[in-house]
N, C-alpha and C. Protein backbone atom coordinates (compact mmCIF):
# COMPACT_ATOMS: atom_id res chain seq x y z
N MET A 1 -23.25 -39.89 26.41
CA MET A 1 -24.51 -40.14 27.04
C MET A 1 -24.49 -41.50 27.74
N VAL A 2 -23.44 -41.77 28.43
CA VAL A 2 -23.37 -43.01 29.19
C VAL A 2 -23.28 -42.66 30.67
N ASN A 3 -23.83 -43.53 31.47
CA ASN A 3 -23.95 -43.26 32.88
C ASN A 3 -22.59 -43.13 33.58
N TRP A 4 -21.56 -43.83 33.10
CA TRP A 4 -20.27 -43.75 33.79
C TRP A 4 -19.68 -42.35 33.70
N VAL A 5 -19.98 -41.62 32.66
CA VAL A 5 -19.48 -40.24 32.55
C VAL A 5 -20.09 -39.38 33.65
N LEU A 6 -21.39 -39.53 33.85
CA LEU A 6 -22.07 -38.81 34.92
C LEU A 6 -21.45 -39.18 36.27
N ASN A 7 -21.29 -40.47 36.52
CA ASN A 7 -20.70 -40.93 37.79
C ASN A 7 -19.27 -40.44 37.97
N TYR A 8 -18.50 -40.40 36.90
CA TYR A 8 -17.12 -39.89 36.97
C TYR A 8 -17.11 -38.45 37.49
N HIS A 9 -17.96 -37.62 36.89
CA HIS A 9 -18.02 -36.22 37.33
C HIS A 9 -18.46 -36.10 38.78
N LEU A 10 -19.44 -36.91 39.17
CA LEU A 10 -19.91 -36.85 40.55
C LEU A 10 -18.83 -37.28 41.53
N LEU A 11 -18.12 -38.33 41.21
CA LEU A 11 -17.08 -38.83 42.11
C LEU A 11 -15.90 -37.87 42.24
N HIS A 12 -15.72 -37.02 41.24
CA HIS A 12 -14.64 -36.04 41.26
C HIS A 12 -15.14 -34.64 41.65
N ASN A 13 -16.34 -34.60 42.22
CA ASN A 13 -16.95 -33.34 42.67
C ASN A 13 -17.07 -32.30 41.58
N GLU A 14 -17.26 -32.74 40.36
CA GLU A 14 -17.50 -31.84 39.23
C GLU A 14 -19.01 -31.79 39.00
N VAL A 15 -19.70 -31.18 39.95
CA VAL A 15 -21.16 -31.26 39.95
C VAL A 15 -21.81 -30.51 38.80
N ASP A 16 -21.26 -29.38 38.42
CA ASP A 16 -21.85 -28.64 37.30
C ASP A 16 -21.73 -29.44 36.00
N GLU A 17 -20.60 -30.10 35.82
CA GLU A 17 -20.41 -30.94 34.64
C GLU A 17 -21.36 -32.13 34.67
N ALA A 18 -21.57 -32.70 35.86
CA ALA A 18 -22.50 -33.82 36.01
C ALA A 18 -23.92 -33.41 35.65
N ILE A 19 -24.33 -32.25 36.12
CA ILE A 19 -25.67 -31.75 35.82
C ILE A 19 -25.81 -31.53 34.31
N CYS A 20 -24.81 -30.94 33.71
CA CYS A 20 -24.83 -30.70 32.27
C CYS A 20 -24.94 -32.01 31.50
N GLU A 21 -24.15 -33.00 31.89
CA GLU A 21 -24.16 -34.31 31.24
C GLU A 21 -25.53 -34.99 31.39
N ALA A 22 -26.10 -34.92 32.59
CA ALA A 22 -27.40 -35.53 32.83
C ALA A 22 -28.49 -34.84 32.00
N LYS A 23 -28.47 -33.53 31.96
CA LYS A 23 -29.46 -32.79 31.17
C LYS A 23 -29.37 -33.14 29.69
N ARG A 24 -28.15 -33.25 29.21
CA ARG A 24 -27.94 -33.59 27.80
C ARG A 24 -28.49 -34.98 27.50
N ALA A 25 -28.16 -35.94 28.37
CA ALA A 25 -28.63 -37.31 28.18
C ALA A 25 -30.16 -37.39 28.24
N ILE A 26 -30.75 -36.68 29.19
CA ILE A 26 -32.20 -36.69 29.34
C ILE A 26 -32.87 -36.11 28.09
N CYS A 27 -32.32 -35.03 27.59
CA CYS A 27 -32.86 -34.41 26.37
C CYS A 27 -32.86 -35.40 25.20
N ILE A 28 -31.75 -36.07 25.01
CA ILE A 28 -31.61 -37.01 23.90
C ILE A 28 -32.54 -38.21 24.10
N LEU A 29 -32.55 -38.78 25.30
CA LEU A 29 -33.37 -39.96 25.54
C LEU A 29 -34.86 -39.67 25.40
N ARG A 30 -35.29 -38.49 25.82
CA ARG A 30 -36.71 -38.14 25.69
C ARG A 30 -37.15 -38.13 24.23
N GLU A 31 -36.26 -37.71 23.34
CA GLU A 31 -36.59 -37.64 21.93
C GLU A 31 -36.90 -39.02 21.34
N PHE A 32 -36.31 -40.07 21.90
CA PHE A 32 -36.46 -41.40 21.35
C PHE A 32 -37.27 -42.33 22.26
N ASN A 33 -38.00 -41.78 23.19
CA ASN A 33 -38.68 -42.58 24.20
C ASN A 33 -40.18 -42.73 23.94
N GLU A 34 -40.56 -42.82 22.69
CA GLU A 34 -41.98 -42.90 22.35
C GLU A 34 -42.69 -44.06 23.03
N ASN A 35 -42.08 -45.23 23.05
CA ASN A 35 -42.74 -46.42 23.57
C ASN A 35 -42.24 -46.81 24.97
N GLY A 36 -41.54 -45.91 25.64
CA GLY A 36 -41.06 -46.19 26.99
C GLY A 36 -39.79 -47.02 27.05
N LEU A 37 -39.14 -47.20 25.92
CA LEU A 37 -37.94 -48.03 25.85
C LEU A 37 -36.82 -47.52 26.76
N PHE A 38 -36.75 -46.21 26.96
CA PHE A 38 -35.66 -45.63 27.73
C PHE A 38 -36.09 -45.11 29.10
N ASP A 39 -37.24 -45.55 29.60
CA ASP A 39 -37.70 -45.09 30.91
C ASP A 39 -36.70 -45.38 32.02
N ASN A 40 -36.11 -46.58 32.01
CA ASN A 40 -35.13 -46.91 33.05
C ASN A 40 -33.91 -46.00 32.96
N ASP A 41 -33.41 -45.77 31.76
CA ASP A 41 -32.25 -44.89 31.58
C ASP A 41 -32.58 -43.47 32.01
N LEU A 42 -33.76 -43.00 31.68
CA LEU A 42 -34.17 -41.66 32.10
C LEU A 42 -34.22 -41.57 33.62
N SER A 43 -34.72 -42.60 34.26
CA SER A 43 -34.76 -42.62 35.72
C SER A 43 -33.36 -42.53 36.31
N VAL A 44 -32.42 -43.26 35.72
CA VAL A 44 -31.03 -43.27 36.21
C VAL A 44 -30.40 -41.90 36.06
N PHE A 45 -30.60 -41.25 34.93
CA PHE A 45 -30.00 -39.92 34.74
C PHE A 45 -30.64 -38.87 35.63
N TRP A 46 -31.96 -38.95 35.84
CA TRP A 46 -32.61 -38.02 36.77
C TRP A 46 -32.06 -38.23 38.17
N GLU A 47 -31.85 -39.49 38.56
CA GLU A 47 -31.29 -39.77 39.89
C GLU A 47 -29.87 -39.23 40.02
N GLY A 48 -29.08 -39.38 38.98
CA GLY A 48 -27.72 -38.84 38.99
C GLY A 48 -27.71 -37.33 39.12
N MET A 49 -28.64 -36.68 38.42
CA MET A 49 -28.71 -35.23 38.51
C MET A 49 -29.16 -34.82 39.92
N ALA A 50 -30.04 -35.60 40.53
CA ALA A 50 -30.46 -35.32 41.91
C ALA A 50 -29.26 -35.40 42.85
N TRP A 51 -28.41 -36.39 42.63
CA TRP A 51 -27.20 -36.54 43.45
C TRP A 51 -26.32 -35.30 43.32
N ALA A 52 -26.18 -34.81 42.09
CA ALA A 52 -25.35 -33.62 41.86
C ALA A 52 -25.93 -32.40 42.57
N TYR A 53 -27.24 -32.22 42.47
CA TYR A 53 -27.86 -31.09 43.16
C TYR A 53 -27.73 -31.22 44.67
N ALA A 54 -27.81 -32.44 45.17
CA ALA A 54 -27.64 -32.67 46.62
C ALA A 54 -26.23 -32.29 47.06
N LYS A 55 -25.23 -32.60 46.22
CA LYS A 55 -23.85 -32.21 46.55
C LYS A 55 -23.70 -30.69 46.58
N LYS A 56 -24.52 -29.99 45.78
CA LYS A 56 -24.49 -28.53 45.78
C LYS A 56 -25.34 -27.95 46.91
N LYS A 57 -26.02 -28.84 47.64
CA LYS A 57 -26.95 -28.44 48.70
C LYS A 57 -28.14 -27.65 48.15
N ASP A 58 -28.50 -27.95 46.92
CA ASP A 58 -29.67 -27.37 46.27
C ASP A 58 -30.79 -28.41 46.38
N PHE A 59 -31.43 -28.43 47.55
CA PHE A 59 -32.37 -29.50 47.86
C PHE A 59 -33.70 -29.37 47.14
N GLU A 60 -34.06 -28.17 46.73
CA GLU A 60 -35.28 -28.01 45.96
C GLU A 60 -35.17 -28.74 44.62
N ASN A 61 -34.06 -28.49 43.91
CA ASN A 61 -33.84 -29.19 42.64
C ASN A 61 -33.57 -30.68 42.85
N THR A 62 -32.99 -31.04 43.98
CA THR A 62 -32.79 -32.45 44.28
C THR A 62 -34.13 -33.17 44.31
N LEU A 63 -35.09 -32.58 45.02
CA LEU A 63 -36.41 -33.21 45.11
C LEU A 63 -37.13 -33.26 43.77
N ILE A 64 -36.99 -32.22 42.99
CA ILE A 64 -37.61 -32.20 41.66
C ILE A 64 -37.04 -33.35 40.81
N CYS A 65 -35.74 -33.51 40.84
CA CYS A 65 -35.10 -34.57 40.06
C CYS A 65 -35.49 -35.95 40.56
N LEU A 66 -35.59 -36.11 41.87
CA LEU A 66 -36.00 -37.40 42.42
C LEU A 66 -37.44 -37.74 42.04
N GLU A 67 -38.30 -36.74 42.00
CA GLU A 67 -39.68 -36.97 41.56
C GLU A 67 -39.71 -37.45 40.11
N GLU A 68 -38.91 -36.83 39.27
CA GLU A 68 -38.83 -37.26 37.86
C GLU A 68 -38.25 -38.67 37.76
N ALA A 69 -37.23 -38.95 38.54
CA ALA A 69 -36.63 -40.29 38.53
C ALA A 69 -37.68 -41.33 38.92
N CYS A 70 -38.47 -41.04 39.93
CA CYS A 70 -39.52 -41.97 40.37
C CYS A 70 -40.59 -42.13 39.30
N ARG A 71 -40.93 -41.04 38.66
CA ARG A 71 -41.96 -41.10 37.61
C ARG A 71 -41.55 -42.05 36.50
N TYR A 72 -40.30 -41.97 36.07
CA TYR A 72 -39.83 -42.86 35.01
C TYR A 72 -39.63 -44.28 35.53
N ALA A 73 -39.20 -44.42 36.77
CA ALA A 73 -39.01 -45.76 37.34
C ALA A 73 -40.35 -46.50 37.41
N VAL A 74 -41.39 -45.81 37.83
CA VAL A 74 -42.71 -46.42 37.92
C VAL A 74 -43.22 -46.82 36.54
N LYS A 75 -42.99 -45.96 35.55
CA LYS A 75 -43.41 -46.28 34.19
C LYS A 75 -42.64 -47.49 33.66
N TYR A 76 -41.38 -47.62 34.04
CA TYR A 76 -40.55 -48.73 33.57
C TYR A 76 -41.01 -50.05 34.17
N ASP A 77 -41.38 -50.03 35.46
CA ASP A 77 -41.82 -51.25 36.12
C ASP A 77 -43.16 -51.64 35.57
C-alpha cells in the first residue's frame, strides 16, 4: 500500500494492476480515516487510479476518480 508500487505499475503500462493496487490501498485507508488523517494519501491513490483509467481511455471512470481525489484533497487542506 505504498504509492511507488502504484507508480511502478503505471510506468510499465500495467494499468489493471495499478487499478487493483489503488483500490486495495483506498479500501484500507478508508477503514482508518476516522479523523481525516489519511485524506492526503486517499487523494493521491484516487489520482493514481484516475491516471490508470486515462491510460485505458476510460474517461468516465477517470473523471469519477478525479472527483474523489479532489474531494479528499479539499478535506485535507
